[in-house]
Amino acid sequence: MQIISTVAELRQRLRGVAGIAFVPTMGNLHQGHLDLVRIARQHGQCVVVSIFVNPLQFGANEDFSKYPRTLQADCDKLEGLADVFFAPTERELYPQPQQVTVEPPLANELCGAFRPGHFRGVATVVLKLFNIVQPQVAVFGKKDYQQLYVVRQVAAQLNLPVEIIGGETVRAPDGLALSSRNQYLSAAERTEAGFLYQMLVSTRQAMLDGVTDYAKLERQAAEALTARGWQVDYVAVRAQATLMQPESGARDLVILAAARLGQTRLIDNLEVCI
């Protein structure tokens, strides 16, 4: 596996290469990331993985400075799985003090309502990376369902020749979605954290049993979390295709949730096909 840190060197390495599959990450890799890399291998002859903790998608009071950076361990995990490892510096990706940014659809909905500017930062860095890597396929995890939607919209609306593939969420035995931020949880919080998935499962079951008052289900789920000490940002039932509130009779839905346990913000979702 070749490790590259500059745009010029990466472009030189990938010149003339066909069948590039790309997995952008912020590092601190876990099994969920590695599954995305394995999916990429199924769709491309040359697998490129990037690691870049993107400052544009962090708010002023968020965890940019303490976000775990484990470059050497990440390199070790990618050995034998990826062909090219791109680890640029902040100056390499953002050489100018003023940035051209991309404002995607739904940037201020769901997580965007609680993290102003977050999806602008996501859309901007993804577009930069796509322009640099020029992949035919890019793989993103479904755990951040809104991010996957935003990336798909950027690719479709800007006519980018890249297929966006969503990888299924990888979970711990208690159902907690794997995330780099899980390590922020205390032992007691980690024990409690599995309840977020349990709440999603029970809400999905209610929907499969025929409950169509989604506002009531959202309210009940948020109350159940709050009663156990969570600080709830939202629980929302949306249409999978648009992430808008579902129309009557819609069948392909998704339950999305974001809530804080102590100082750690966790997100998760569960698709529902009625």
Protein backbone atom coordinates (compact mmCIF):
# COMPACT_ATOMS: atom_id res chain seq x y z
CA MET A 1 0.00 0.00 0.00
CA GLN A 2 1.33 3.39 -1.01
CA ILE A 3 1.00 6.31 1.46
CA ILE A 4 0.61 9.74 -0.16
CA SER A 5 0.19 13.16 1.44
CA THR A 6 0.07 15.63 -1.47
CA VAL A 7 -2.47 16.23 -4.20
CA ALA A 8 0.22 16.38 -6.89
CA GLU A 9 1.70 13.03 -5.92
CA LEU A 10 -1.73 11.39 -5.71
CA ARG A 11 -2.71 12.64 -9.15
CA GLN A 12 0.56 11.34 -10.54
CA ARG A 13 -0.02 7.93 -8.91
CA LEU A 14 -3.58 7.65 -10.25
CA ARG A 15 -2.94 9.00 -13.75
CA GLY A 16 -4.30 6.53 -16.27
CA VAL A 17 -5.67 4.20 -13.58
CA ALA A 18 -9.13 2.82 -14.36
CA GLY A 19 -11.65 1.42 -11.93
CA ILE A 20 -10.91 3.57 -8.89
CA ALA A 21 -13.05 2.90 -5.81
CA PHE A 22 -12.76 5.48 -3.04
CA VAL A 23 -13.49 5.44 0.69
CA PRO A 24 -13.12 8.86 2.39
CA THR A 25 -12.75 8.75 6.18
CA MET A 26 -11.67 10.88 9.12
CA GLY A 27 -9.47 8.09 10.43
CA ASN A 28 -9.48 6.27 13.77
CA LEU A 29 -10.61 3.31 11.72
CA HIS A 30 -12.84 0.57 13.13
CA GLN A 31 -14.52 -2.50 11.66
CA GLY A 32 -17.22 -0.40 10.02
CA HIS A 33 -14.62 1.50 8.00
CA LEU A 34 -12.83 -1.69 7.04
CA ASP A 35 -16.09 -3.18 5.77
CA LEU A 36 -16.50 -0.12 3.52
CA VAL A 37 -13.01 -0.73 2.14
CA ARG A 38 -13.91 -4.35 1.42
CA ILE A 39 -17.05 -3.18 -0.40
CA ALA A 40 -14.89 -0.80 -2.42
CA ARG A 41 -12.67 -3.71 -3.44
CA GLN A 42 -15.72 -5.44 -4.93
CA HIS A 43 -16.39 -2.41 -7.13
CA GLY A 44 -12.95 -1.24 -8.21
CA GLN A 45 -9.54 -2.45 -9.25
CA CYS A 46 -7.69 0.29 -7.35
CA VAL A 47 -8.93 1.14 -3.84
CA VAL A 48 -8.07 4.57 -2.45
CA VAL A 49 -8.73 5.43 1.20
CA SER A 50 -8.36 8.97 2.50
CA ILE A 51 -7.96 10.11 6.08
CA PHE A 52 -8.60 13.76 6.78
CA VAL A 53 -10.19 15.32 9.87
CA ASN A 54 -12.09 18.05 8.09
CA PRO A 55 -12.25 21.31 10.07
CA LEU A 56 -15.07 22.72 7.94
CA GLN A 57 -17.58 20.19 9.28
CA PHE A 58 -16.92 20.93 12.97
CA GLY A 59 -18.66 23.73 14.82
CA ALA A 60 -16.95 26.18 17.15
CA ASN A 61 -17.76 24.17 20.29
CA GLU A 62 -17.38 20.68 18.82
CA ASP A 63 -14.62 18.11 19.17
CA PHE A 64 -12.26 18.96 16.30
CA SER A 65 -9.23 19.40 18.53
CA LYS A 66 -9.77 16.16 20.45
CA TYR A 67 -11.07 14.02 17.58
CA PRO A 68 -8.92 10.85 17.71
CA ARG A 69 -6.02 10.86 15.26
CA THR A 70 -4.40 7.43 14.94
CA LEU A 71 -2.55 7.57 11.63
CA GLN A 72 -0.06 4.75 12.16
CA ALA A 73 -2.67 2.37 13.54
CA ASP A 74 -4.94 3.23 10.60
CA CYS A 75 -2.13 2.47 8.14
CA ASP A 76 -1.61 -0.90 9.80
CA LYS A 77 -5.31 -1.77 9.53
CA LEU A 78 -5.43 -0.83 5.84
CA GLU A 79 -2.42 -2.95 4.89
CA GLY A 80 -3.59 -5.56 2.42
CA LEU A 81 -7.00 -3.92 2.00
CA ALA A 82 -6.26 -0.66 0.15
CA ASP A 83 -3.88 0.21 -2.67
CA VAL A 84 -3.41 3.91 -1.95
CA PHE A 85 -3.69 5.74 1.35
CA PHE A 86 -4.16 9.51 1.02
CA ALA A 87 -3.45 11.51 4.19
CA PRO A 88 -3.26 15.21 3.30
CA THR A 89 -2.60 18.06 5.71
CA GLU A 90 -5.14 20.81 6.26
CA ARG A 91 -2.96 23.23 4.29
CA GLU A 92 -2.81 20.77 1.40
CA LEU A 93 -6.60 20.61 1.03
CA TYR A 94 -7.33 24.19 2.06
CA PRO A 95 -4.41 26.30 0.79
CA GLN A 96 -6.41 29.54 0.65
CA PRO A 97 -7.69 31.44 3.71
CA GLN A 98 -11.10 31.91 2.07
CA GLN A 99 -12.89 28.81 0.90
CA VAL A 100 -15.27 28.13 -1.96
CA THR A 101 -17.98 26.05 -0.29
CA VAL A 102 -20.90 23.91 -1.41
CA GLU A 103 -24.37 24.30 0.14
CA PRO A 104 -26.21 20.97 -0.23
CA PRO A 105 -29.94 20.20 0.09
CA LEU A 106 -31.28 19.61 3.62
CA ALA A 107 -28.19 21.24 5.10
CA ASN A 108 -30.26 22.75 7.92
CA GLU A 109 -32.55 19.80 8.60
CA LEU A 110 -32.16 16.96 11.14
CA CYS A 111 -28.48 16.98 12.21
CA GLY A 112 -27.97 20.19 10.25
CA ALA A 113 -30.37 22.00 12.56
CA PHE A 114 -28.12 21.19 15.52
CA ARG A 115 -24.77 21.46 13.73
CA PRO A 116 -24.92 24.65 11.62
CA GLY A 117 -22.55 24.50 8.67
CA HIS A 118 -21.77 20.82 9.17
CA PHE A 119 -23.13 19.57 5.87
CA ARG A 120 -21.66 22.51 4.00
CA GLY A 121 -18.30 21.29 5.28
CA VAL A 122 -19.08 17.69 4.34
CA ALA A 123 -20.23 18.59 0.83
CA THR A 124 -17.21 20.85 0.27
CA VAL A 125 -14.56 18.34 1.32
CA VAL A 126 -16.24 15.47 -0.53
CA LEU A 127 -16.36 17.49 -3.75
CA LYS A 128 -12.68 18.40 -3.30
CA LEU A 129 -11.73 14.77 -2.73
CA PHE A 130 -13.78 13.56 -5.69
CA ASN A 131 -12.05 16.11 -7.92
CA ILE A 132 -8.65 14.98 -6.67
CA VAL A 133 -9.18 11.19 -6.71
CA GLN A 134 -11.55 11.01 -9.73
CA PRO A 135 -13.15 7.75 -8.59
CA GLN A 136 -15.75 5.79 -10.49
CA VAL A 137 -17.23 4.52 -7.22
CA ALA A 138 -17.27 5.95 -3.69
CA VAL A 139 -18.46 4.11 -0.58
CA PHE A 140 -20.05 5.74 2.47
CA GLY A 141 -21.60 4.14 5.54
CA LYS A 142 -25.33 4.20 6.16
CA LYS A 143 -24.75 5.00 9.83
CA ASP A 144 -24.69 8.67 8.89
CA TYR A 145 -27.78 8.43 6.72
CA GLN A 146 -28.11 12.16 6.14
CA GLN A 147 -24.48 12.41 5.08
CA LEU A 148 -25.04 9.62 2.56
CA TYR A 149 -28.07 11.48 1.21
CA VAL A 150 -26.13 14.75 0.96
CA VAL A 151 -23.23 13.09 -0.89
CA ARG A 152 -25.62 11.45 -3.33
CA GLN A 153 -27.26 14.80 -4.00
CA VAL A 154 -23.91 16.51 -4.57
CA ALA A 155 -22.89 13.80 -7.04
CA ALA A 156 -26.24 13.83 -8.88
CA GLN A 157 -26.85 17.57 -9.01
CA LEU A 158 -23.29 18.46 -9.99
CA ASN A 159 -23.26 15.68 -12.61
CA LEU A 160 -20.25 13.92 -11.13
CA PRO A 161 -19.36 10.63 -12.86
CA VAL A 162 -19.19 8.69 -9.61
CA GLU A 163 -21.52 6.01 -8.27
CA ILE A 164 -22.28 6.38 -4.55
CA ILE A 165 -22.67 3.09 -2.68
CA GLY A 166 -24.01 2.86 0.87
CA GLY A 167 -22.50 0.30 3.22
CA GLU A 168 -24.63 -1.24 5.96
CA THR A 169 -24.07 -0.13 9.55
CA VAL A 170 -21.76 -2.36 11.57
CA ARG A 171 -22.89 -2.84 15.16
CA ALA A 172 -21.56 -4.07 18.48
CA PRO A 173 -23.32 -7.10 20.02
CA ASP A 174 -25.72 -4.83 21.93
CA GLY A 175 -26.67 -3.01 18.72
CA LEU A 176 -24.66 0.17 19.19
CA ALA A 177 -23.46 1.42 15.83
CA LEU A 178 -19.67 1.45 15.64
CA SER A 179 -18.29 4.98 15.73
CA SER A 180 -14.99 6.64 16.53
CA ARG A 181 -16.84 8.77 19.08
CA ASN A 182 -17.95 5.72 21.09
CA GLN A 183 -14.59 5.81 22.87
CA TYR A 184 -15.66 9.06 24.54
CA LEU A 185 -18.30 7.12 26.52
CA SER A 186 -17.67 6.20 30.14
CA ALA A 187 -18.20 2.57 31.15
CA ALA A 188 -21.69 3.31 32.47
CA GLU A 189 -22.57 5.35 29.37
CA ARG A 190 -21.34 2.57 27.10
CA THR A 191 -23.68 0.14 28.86
CA GLU A 192 -26.59 2.53 28.36
CA ALA A 193 -25.68 3.41 24.75
CA GLY A 194 -27.21 0.24 23.32
CA PHE A 195 -30.66 1.57 24.24
CA LEU A 196 -30.58 3.92 21.25
CA TYR A 197 -30.71 0.94 18.89
CA GLN A 198 -33.34 -0.78 21.04
CA MET A 199 -35.51 2.30 20.71
CA LEU A 200 -35.14 2.24 16.93
CA VAL A 201 -36.04 -1.45 16.79
CA SER A 202 -39.18 -0.98 18.90
CA THR A 203 -40.25 2.01 16.81
CA ARG A 204 -39.74 0.04 13.60
CA GLN A 205 -41.80 -2.82 15.01
CA ALA A 206 -44.65 -0.46 15.82
CA MET A 207 -44.58 0.79 12.23
CA LEU A 208 -44.56 -2.75 10.88
CA ASP A 209 -47.52 -3.50 13.14
CA GLY A 210 -49.47 -0.79 11.35
CA VAL A 211 -48.99 2.35 13.46
CA THR A 212 -49.03 5.34 11.11
CA ASP A 213 -49.08 8.21 13.60
CA TYR A 214 -45.39 8.91 13.09
CA ALA A 215 -45.41 12.11 15.11
CA LYS A 216 -46.65 10.14 18.13
CA LEU A 217 -43.99 7.48 17.61
CA GLU A 218 -41.30 10.16 17.40
CA ARG A 219 -42.55 11.76 20.59
CA GLN A 220 -42.73 8.46 22.47
CA ALA A 221 -39.22 7.49 21.40
CA ALA A 222 -37.78 10.85 22.45
CA GLU A 223 -39.57 10.60 25.81
CA ALA A 224 -38.19 7.08 26.38
CA LEU A 225 -34.64 8.34 25.78
CA THR A 226 -35.12 11.42 27.94
CA ALA A 227 -36.44 9.31 30.81
CA ARG A 228 -33.16 7.41 30.82
CA GLY A 229 -31.01 10.53 30.94
CA TRP A 230 -30.38 11.17 27.24
CA GLN A 231 -30.48 14.69 25.79
CA VAL A 232 -32.44 14.24 22.59
CA ASP A 233 -31.82 16.33 19.49
CA TYR A 234 -34.42 14.54 17.41
CA VAL A 235 -36.15 11.31 16.53
CA ALA A 236 -37.65 11.53 13.05
CA VAL A 237 -39.44 9.26 10.59
CA ARG A 238 -38.61 10.29 7.05
CA ALA A 239 -38.89 9.00 3.49
CA GLN A 240 -35.72 7.18 2.47
CA ALA A 241 -35.53 8.79 -0.96
CA THR A 242 -35.89 12.42 0.13
CA LEU A 243 -35.41 12.57 3.92
CA MET A 244 -38.59 14.66 3.95
CA GLN A 245 -41.65 13.85 6.03
CA PRO A 246 -43.33 10.87 4.36
CA GLU A 247 -46.45 11.26 2.31
CA SER A 248 -49.48 9.15 3.11
CA GLY A 249 -48.95 5.58 1.99
CA ALA A 250 -45.16 5.87 1.69
CA ARG A 251 -43.54 2.46 2.17
CA ASP A 252 -39.76 3.00 2.17
CA LEU A 253 -39.04 4.90 5.36
CA VAL A 254 -36.18 5.47 7.77
CA ILE A 255 -36.14 6.30 11.48
CA LEU A 256 -33.32 8.69 12.35
CA ALA A 257 -32.17 9.72 15.79
CA ALA A 258 -29.52 11.89 17.39
CA ALA A 259 -29.05 12.24 21.13
CA ARG A 260 -26.35 12.99 23.68
CA LEU A 261 -25.29 10.64 26.41
CA GLY A 262 -23.17 12.69 28.78
CA GLN A 263 -20.89 14.72 26.51
CA THR A 264 -21.07 12.30 23.58
CA ARG A 265 -23.45 12.83 20.68
CA LEU A 266 -24.60 9.58 19.07
CA ILE A 267 -26.51 9.15 15.83
CA ASP A 268 -28.21 6.10 14.40
CA ASN A 269 -30.98 5.06 12.04
CA LEU A 270 -33.00 2.10 10.91
CA GLU A 271 -34.66 1.60 7.53
CA VAL A 272 -38.27 0.43 7.48
CA CYS A 273 -39.95 -1.10 4.43
CA ILE A 274 -43.66 -1.38 5.06
